[in-house]
């Protein structure tokens, strides 16, 4: 496992190289990654090309936010550009918060998925995001059921964490298995 000195997007290129190389080595069904604006997705496509990776790249973006008036951070042009390069782009509600966050915000409580997300964050924000994106990709049928994928996550922009994971549908989320941590930031900050 590679441990980065700090969190953040400065690790994105290296995390993607580690993840894509490992996916090729183990013949993973896909590489799954978050990308709000599409920039990390573009970088992943570039690195996959450089490494000769021919497997599926899946970019997970969250559904539109109310503050964006039904819009999405990723422009339709960027989405089309990614898809034209062979990247599958999926939109999905957050598997570890979506509806529960709306309820907890309104009723001032804490609910099971929020506890699960907080527990995953003890390994770093990227671990929670990598876990969640793999489940979201499966929920949208972007990846096959029951097989390992390499999934990435990050701490705000870019990615800094990569794992080998076999996700299950969100209805059975506790059966998801993390097999190996490929890279993550040290949490010494």
C-alpha atoms as a PDB file:
ATOM      1  CA  UNK A   1       0.000   0.000   0.000  1.00  0.00           C
ATOM      2  CA  UNK A   2       1.227   3.459  -0.883  1.00  0.00           C
ATOM      3  CA  UNK A   3       0.648   6.117   1.769  1.00  0.00           C
ATOM      4  CA  UNK A   4       0.579   9.704   0.550  1.00  0.00           C
ATOM      5  CA  UNK A   5       1.919  12.390   2.838  1.00  0.00           C
ATOM      6  CA  UNK A   6      -1.177  14.593   2.506  1.00  0.00           C
ATOM      7  CA  UNK A   7      -4.749  14.406   1.294  1.00  0.00           C
ATOM      8  CA  UNK A   8      -5.869  16.086  -1.863  1.00  0.00           C
ATOM      9  CA  UNK A   9      -5.833  16.440  -5.591  1.00  0.00           C
ATOM     10  CA  UNK A  10      -2.033  16.613  -5.825  1.00  0.00           C
ATOM     11  CA  UNK A  11      -2.208  12.811  -5.441  1.00  0.00           C
ATOM     12  CA  UNK A  12      -4.764  12.332  -8.225  1.00  0.00           C
ATOM     13  CA  UNK A  13      -2.421  11.377 -11.069  1.00  0.00           C
ATOM     14  CA  UNK A  14      -0.429   8.939  -8.941  1.00  0.00           C
ATOM     15  CA  UNK A  15      -3.554   7.397  -7.365  1.00  0.00           C
ATOM     16  CA  UNK A  16      -5.043   6.913 -10.836  1.00  0.00           C
ATOM     17  CA  UNK A  17      -1.819   5.337 -12.135  1.00  0.00           C
ATOM     18  CA  UNK A  18      -1.728   2.928  -9.186  1.00  0.00           C
ATOM     19  CA  UNK A  19      -5.407   2.048  -9.570  1.00  0.00           C
ATOM     20  CA  UNK A  20      -5.422   1.606 -13.338  1.00  0.00           C
ATOM     21  CA  UNK A  21      -2.216  -0.439 -13.341  1.00  0.00           C
ATOM     22  CA  UNK A  22      -3.630  -2.729 -10.633  1.00  0.00           C
ATOM     23  CA  UNK A  23      -6.935  -3.054 -12.503  1.00  0.00           C
ATOM     24  CA  UNK A  24      -5.045  -4.181 -15.593  1.00  0.00           C
ATOM     25  CA  UNK A  25      -2.921  -6.606 -13.557  1.00  0.00           C
ATOM     26  CA  UNK A  26      -5.859  -8.331 -11.858  1.00  0.00           C
ATOM     27  CA  UNK A  27      -8.201  -7.923 -14.834  1.00  0.00           C
ATOM     28  CA  UNK A  28     -10.741  -6.057 -12.721  1.00  0.00           C
ATOM     29  CA  UNK A  29     -14.151  -5.559 -14.298  1.00  0.00           C
ATOM     30  CA  UNK A  30     -13.789  -1.780 -14.096  1.00  0.00           C
ATOM     31  CA  UNK A  31     -12.154   1.232 -12.535  1.00  0.00           C
ATOM     32  CA  UNK A  32     -14.737   3.377 -10.750  1.00  0.00           C
ATOM     33  CA  UNK A  33     -14.077   6.988  -9.741  1.00  0.00           C
ATOM     34  CA  UNK A  34     -15.926  10.087  -8.650  1.00  0.00           C
ATOM     35  CA  UNK A  35     -15.807  13.196 -10.797  1.00  0.00           C
ATOM     36  CA  UNK A  36     -18.048  16.151 -10.104  1.00  0.00           C
ATOM     37  CA  UNK A  37     -16.894  18.457 -12.877  1.00  0.00           C
ATOM     38  CA  UNK A  38     -15.341  15.776 -15.081  1.00  0.00           C
ATOM     39  CA  UNK A  39     -11.712  16.838 -14.622  1.00  0.00           C
ATOM     40  CA  UNK A  40     -10.738  13.676 -12.717  1.00  0.00           C
ATOM     41  CA  UNK A  41     -12.578  11.614 -15.325  1.00  0.00           C
ATOM     42  CA  UNK A  42     -10.582  13.269 -18.115  1.00  0.00           C
ATOM     43  CA  UNK A  43      -7.331  12.623 -16.234  1.00  0.00           C
ATOM     44  CA  UNK A  44      -8.319   8.966 -15.744  1.00  0.00           C
ATOM     45  CA  UNK A  45      -9.028   8.551 -19.462  1.00  0.00           C
ATOM     46  CA  UNK A  46      -5.655  10.115 -20.314  1.00  0.00           C
ATOM     47  CA  UNK A  47      -3.749   7.872 -17.894  1.00  0.00           C
ATOM     48  CA  UNK A  48      -5.656   4.776 -19.033  1.00  0.00           C
ATOM     49  CA  UNK A  49      -4.577   5.598 -22.585  1.00  0.00           C
ATOM     50  CA  UNK A  50      -0.954   6.090 -21.541  1.00  0.00           C
ATOM     51  CA  UNK A  51      -0.956   2.758 -19.687  1.00  0.00           C
ATOM     52  CA  UNK A  52      -2.790   0.925 -22.460  1.00  0.00           C
ATOM     53  CA  UNK A  53      -5.680   0.026 -20.160  1.00  0.00           C
ATOM     54  CA  UNK A  54      -8.632  -1.226 -22.173  1.00  0.00           C
ATOM     55  CA  UNK A  55     -11.035  -2.024 -19.346  1.00  0.00           C
ATOM     56  CA  UNK A  56     -14.107   0.009 -18.483  1.00  0.00           C
ATOM     57  CA  UNK A  57     -13.736   3.395 -16.782  1.00  0.00           C
ATOM     58  CA  UNK A  58     -16.845   4.441 -14.857  1.00  0.00           C
ATOM     59  CA  UNK A  59     -17.254   8.013 -13.634  1.00  0.00           C
ATOM     60  CA  UNK A  60     -19.810   8.451 -10.875  1.00  0.00           C
ATOM     61  CA  UNK A  61     -21.336  11.873 -10.411  1.00  0.00           C
ATOM     62  CA  UNK A  62     -24.021  12.706  -7.914  1.00  0.00           C
ATOM     63  CA  UNK A  63     -27.494  13.705  -8.909  1.00  0.00           C
ATOM     64  CA  UNK A  64     -28.267  17.359  -9.362  1.00  0.00           C
ATOM     65  CA  UNK A  65     -28.312  19.562  -6.294  1.00  0.00           C
ATOM     66  CA  UNK A  66     -31.251  21.805  -5.492  1.00  0.00           C
ATOM     67  CA  UNK A  67     -28.848  24.749  -5.112  1.00  0.00           C
ATOM     68  CA  UNK A  68     -27.950  24.272  -8.786  1.00  0.00           C
ATOM     69  CA  UNK A  69     -31.640  24.531  -9.772  1.00  0.00           C
ATOM     70  CA  UNK A  70     -31.656  21.061 -11.298  1.00  0.00           C
ATOM     71  CA  UNK A  71     -28.252  21.497 -12.905  1.00  0.00           C
ATOM     72  CA  UNK A  72     -25.182  19.356 -12.413  1.00  0.00           C
ATOM     73  CA  UNK A  73     -21.579  20.425 -11.761  1.00  0.00           C
ATOM     74  CA  UNK A  74     -20.518  18.434 -14.829  1.00  0.00           C
ATOM     75  CA  UNK A  75     -21.563  20.258 -17.965  1.00  0.00           C
ATOM     76  CA  UNK A  76     -23.368  18.334 -20.713  1.00  0.00           C
ATOM     77  CA  UNK A  77     -20.387  19.054 -22.989  1.00  0.00           C
ATOM     78  CA  UNK A  78     -17.881  17.480 -20.592  1.00  0.00           C
ATOM     79  CA  UNK A  79     -20.171  14.482 -20.052  1.00  0.00           C
ATOM     80  CA  UNK A  80     -20.425  14.012 -23.827  1.00  0.00           C
ATOM     81  CA  UNK A  81     -16.631  14.352 -24.178  1.00  0.00           C
ATOM     82  CA  UNK A  82     -16.048  11.658 -21.538  1.00  0.00           C
ATOM     83  CA  UNK A  83     -18.586   9.328 -23.103  1.00  0.00           C
ATOM     84  CA  UNK A  84     -17.080   9.871 -26.564  1.00  0.00           C
ATOM     85  CA  UNK A  85     -13.726   8.724 -25.154  1.00  0.00           C
ATOM     86  CA  UNK A  86     -15.316   5.488 -23.922  1.00  0.00           C
ATOM     87  CA  UNK A  87     -15.866   6.497 -20.288  1.00  0.00           C
ATOM     88  CA  UNK A  88     -19.210   5.459 -18.823  1.00  0.00           C
ATOM     89  CA  UNK A  89     -20.746   8.358 -16.841  1.00  0.00           C
ATOM     90  CA  UNK A  90     -23.466   7.568 -14.321  1.00  0.00           C
ATOM     91  CA  UNK A  91     -25.528   9.786 -12.041  1.00  0.00           C
ATOM     92  CA  UNK A  92     -26.809   8.491  -8.755  1.00  0.00           C
ATOM     93  CA  UNK A  93     -27.826   9.662  -5.295  1.00  0.00           C
ATOM     94  CA  UNK A  94     -25.173   9.180  -2.622  1.00  0.00           C
ATOM     95  CA  UNK A  95     -25.446   5.616  -1.344  1.00  0.00           C
ATOM     96  CA  UNK A  96     -24.412   6.604   2.190  1.00  0.00           C
ATOM     97  CA  UNK A  97     -26.504   9.698   2.720  1.00  0.00           C
ATOM     98  CA  UNK A  98     -29.083  10.701   0.084  1.00  0.00           C
ATOM     99  CA  UNK A  99     -32.494  10.388   1.706  1.00  0.00           C
ATOM    100  CA  UNK A 100     -31.183   9.920   5.238  1.00  0.00           C
ATOM    101  CA  UNK A 101     -29.399  13.275   5.207  1.00  0.00           C
ATOM    102  CA  UNK A 102     -32.644  15.001   4.290  1.00  0.00           C
ATOM    103  CA  UNK A 103     -34.396  13.310   7.199  1.00  0.00           C
ATOM    104  CA  UNK A 104     -31.611  13.858   9.748  1.00  0.00           C
ATOM    105  CA  UNK A 105     -31.334  17.511   8.767  1.00  0.00           C
ATOM    106  CA  UNK A 106     -35.035  18.027   9.261  1.00  0.00           C
ATOM    107  CA  UNK A 107     -35.452  15.984  12.445  1.00  0.00           C
ATOM    108  CA  UNK A 108     -31.972  16.496  13.957  1.00  0.00           C
ATOM    109  CA  UNK A 109     -31.101  12.822  14.346  1.00  0.00           C
ATOM    110  CA  UNK A 110     -28.428  10.395  13.227  1.00  0.00           C
ATOM    111  CA  UNK A 111     -29.295   7.418  11.088  1.00  0.00           C
ATOM    112  CA  UNK A 112     -27.513   4.124  10.239  1.00  0.00           C
ATOM    113  CA  UNK A 113     -26.045   5.094   6.868  1.00  0.00           C
ATOM    114  CA  UNK A 114     -24.615   8.283   8.330  1.00  0.00           C
ATOM    115  CA  UNK A 115     -22.930   6.197  11.045  1.00  0.00           C
ATOM    116  CA  UNK A 116     -21.513   3.877   8.383  1.00  0.00           C
ATOM    117  CA  UNK A 117     -20.185   6.839   6.402  1.00  0.00           C
ATOM    118  CA  UNK A 118     -18.593   8.317   9.519  1.00  0.00           C
ATOM    119  CA  UNK A 119     -16.942   4.981  10.306  1.00  0.00           C
ATOM    120  CA  UNK A 120     -15.498   4.709   6.793  1.00  0.00           C
ATOM    121  CA  UNK A 121     -14.184   8.286   7.127  1.00  0.00           C
ATOM    122  CA  UNK A 122     -11.997   7.149  10.046  1.00  0.00           C
ATOM    123  CA  UNK A 123      -9.835   5.630   7.284  1.00  0.00           C
ATOM    124  CA  UNK A 124     -10.043   8.930   5.380  1.00  0.00           C
ATOM    125  CA  UNK A 125     -12.692  10.713   3.326  1.00  0.00           C
ATOM    126  CA  UNK A 126     -11.421   8.979   0.198  1.00  0.00           C
ATOM    127  CA  UNK A 127     -12.182   5.550   1.671  1.00  0.00           C
ATOM    128  CA  UNK A 128     -15.810   6.509   2.239  1.00  0.00           C
ATOM    129  CA  UNK A 129     -16.062   7.916  -1.298  1.00  0.00           C
ATOM    130  CA  UNK A 130     -14.399   4.885  -2.939  1.00  0.00           C
ATOM    131  CA  UNK A 131     -16.756   2.539  -1.083  1.00  0.00           C
ATOM    132  CA  UNK A 132     -19.792   4.643  -1.901  1.00  0.00           C
ATOM    133  CA  UNK A 133     -18.957   5.121  -5.597  1.00  0.00           C
ATOM    134  CA  UNK A 134     -18.547   1.381  -6.126  1.00  0.00           C
ATOM    135  CA  UNK A 135     -22.007   0.767  -4.652  1.00  0.00           C
ATOM    136  CA  UNK A 136     -23.478   3.634  -6.688  1.00  0.00           C
ATOM    137  CA  UNK A 137     -21.942   2.265  -9.896  1.00  0.00           C
ATOM    138  CA  UNK A 138     -23.446  -1.140  -9.188  1.00  0.00           C
ATOM    139  CA  UNK A 139     -26.837   0.382  -8.339  1.00  0.00           C
ATOM    140  CA  UNK A 140     -26.890   1.971 -11.810  1.00  0.00           C
ATOM    141  CA  UNK A 141     -25.830  -1.280 -13.550  1.00  0.00           C
ATOM    142  CA  UNK A 142     -22.589   0.341 -14.748  1.00  0.00           C
ATOM    143  CA  UNK A 143     -20.526  -2.573 -13.419  1.00  0.00           C
ATOM    144  CA  UNK A 144     -21.280  -6.296 -13.099  1.00  0.00           C
ATOM    145  CA  UNK A 145     -22.570  -7.781  -9.862  1.00  0.00           C
ATOM    146  CA  UNK A 146     -20.379  -9.978  -7.691  1.00  0.00           C
ATOM    147  CA  UNK A 147     -16.955  -9.195  -9.137  1.00  0.00           C
ATOM    148  CA  UNK A 148     -14.115  -7.043  -7.810  1.00  0.00           C
ATOM    149  CA  UNK A 149     -13.494  -3.576  -9.207  1.00  0.00           C
ATOM    150  CA  UNK A 150     -10.909  -0.953  -8.424  1.00  0.00           C
ATOM    151  CA  UNK A 151     -12.590   2.093  -6.930  1.00  0.00           C
ATOM    152  CA  UNK A 152     -11.180   5.510  -6.097  1.00  0.00           C
ATOM    153  CA  UNK A 153     -12.216   8.314  -3.799  1.00  0.00           C
ATOM    154  CA  UNK A 154     -10.955  11.656  -2.694  1.00  0.00           C
ATOM    155  CA  UNK A 155     -11.131  14.360  -0.114  1.00  0.00           C
ATOM    156  CA  UNK A 156     -12.778  17.142  -2.097  1.00  0.00           C
ATOM    157  CA  UNK A 157     -11.216  17.543  -5.526  1.00  0.00           C
ATOM    158  CA  UNK A 158      -9.307  14.839  -7.348  1.00  0.00           C
ATOM    159  CA  UNK A 159      -8.692  11.384  -5.891  1.00  0.00           C
ATOM    160  CA  UNK A 160      -6.202  10.145  -3.312  1.00  0.00           C
ATOM    161  CA  UNK A 161      -7.493   6.708  -2.283  1.00  0.00           C
ATOM    162  CA  UNK A 162      -7.887   3.461  -4.234  1.00  0.00           C
ATOM    163  CA  UNK A 163      -9.198   0.069  -3.156  1.00  0.00           C
ATOM    164  CA  UNK A 164     -10.072  -3.292  -4.641  1.00  0.00           C
ATOM    165  CA  UNK A 165     -13.685  -3.845  -3.672  1.00  0.00           C
ATOM    166  CA  UNK A 166     -16.610  -6.110  -4.453  1.00  0.00           C
ATOM    167  CA  UNK A 167     -19.665  -3.934  -3.969  1.00  0.00           C
ATOM    168  CA  UNK A 168     -23.226  -5.090  -3.542  1.00  0.00           C
ATOM    169  CA  UNK A 169     -26.432  -3.181  -4.201  1.00  0.00           C
ATOM    170  CA  UNK A 170     -27.206  -0.502  -1.644  1.00  0.00           C
ATOM    171  CA  UNK A 171     -30.080  -2.617  -0.303  1.00  0.00           C
ATOM    172  CA  UNK A 172     -27.438  -5.094   0.977  1.00  0.00           C
ATOM    173  CA  UNK A 173     -24.618  -2.578   1.531  1.00  0.00           C
ATOM    174  CA  UNK A 174     -23.185  -4.320   4.597  1.00  0.00           C
ATOM    175  CA  UNK A 175     -22.154  -7.261   2.399  1.00  0.00           C
ATOM    176  CA  UNK A 176     -19.725  -5.070   0.405  1.00  0.00           C
ATOM    177  CA  UNK A 177     -16.136  -6.326   0.740  1.00  0.00           C
ATOM    178  CA  UNK A 178     -12.952  -4.262   0.616  1.00  0.00           C
ATOM    179  CA  UNK A 179     -10.186  -6.655  -0.420  1.00  0.00           C
ATOM    180  CA  UNK A 180      -7.138  -4.429  -0.575  1.00  0.00           C
ATOM    181  CA  UNK A 181      -6.168  -0.806  -0.032  1.00  0.00           C
ATOM    182  CA  UNK A 182      -3.891   0.273  -2.874  1.00  0.00           C
ATOM    183  CA  UNK A 183      -3.193   3.825  -1.746  1.00  0.00           C
ATOM    184  CA  UNK A 184      -4.493   6.429   0.661  1.00  0.00           C
ATOM    185  CA  UNK A 185      -3.250   9.516   2.436  1.00  0.00           C
ATOM    186  CA  UNK A 186      -1.718   9.236   5.884  1.00  0.00           C
ATOM    187  CA  UNK A 187      -4.024  11.031   8.248  1.00  0.00           C
ATOM    188  CA  UNK A 188      -1.386  12.959  10.125  1.00  0.00           C
ATOM    189  CA  UNK A 189      -2.679  16.420   9.222  1.00  0.00           C
END
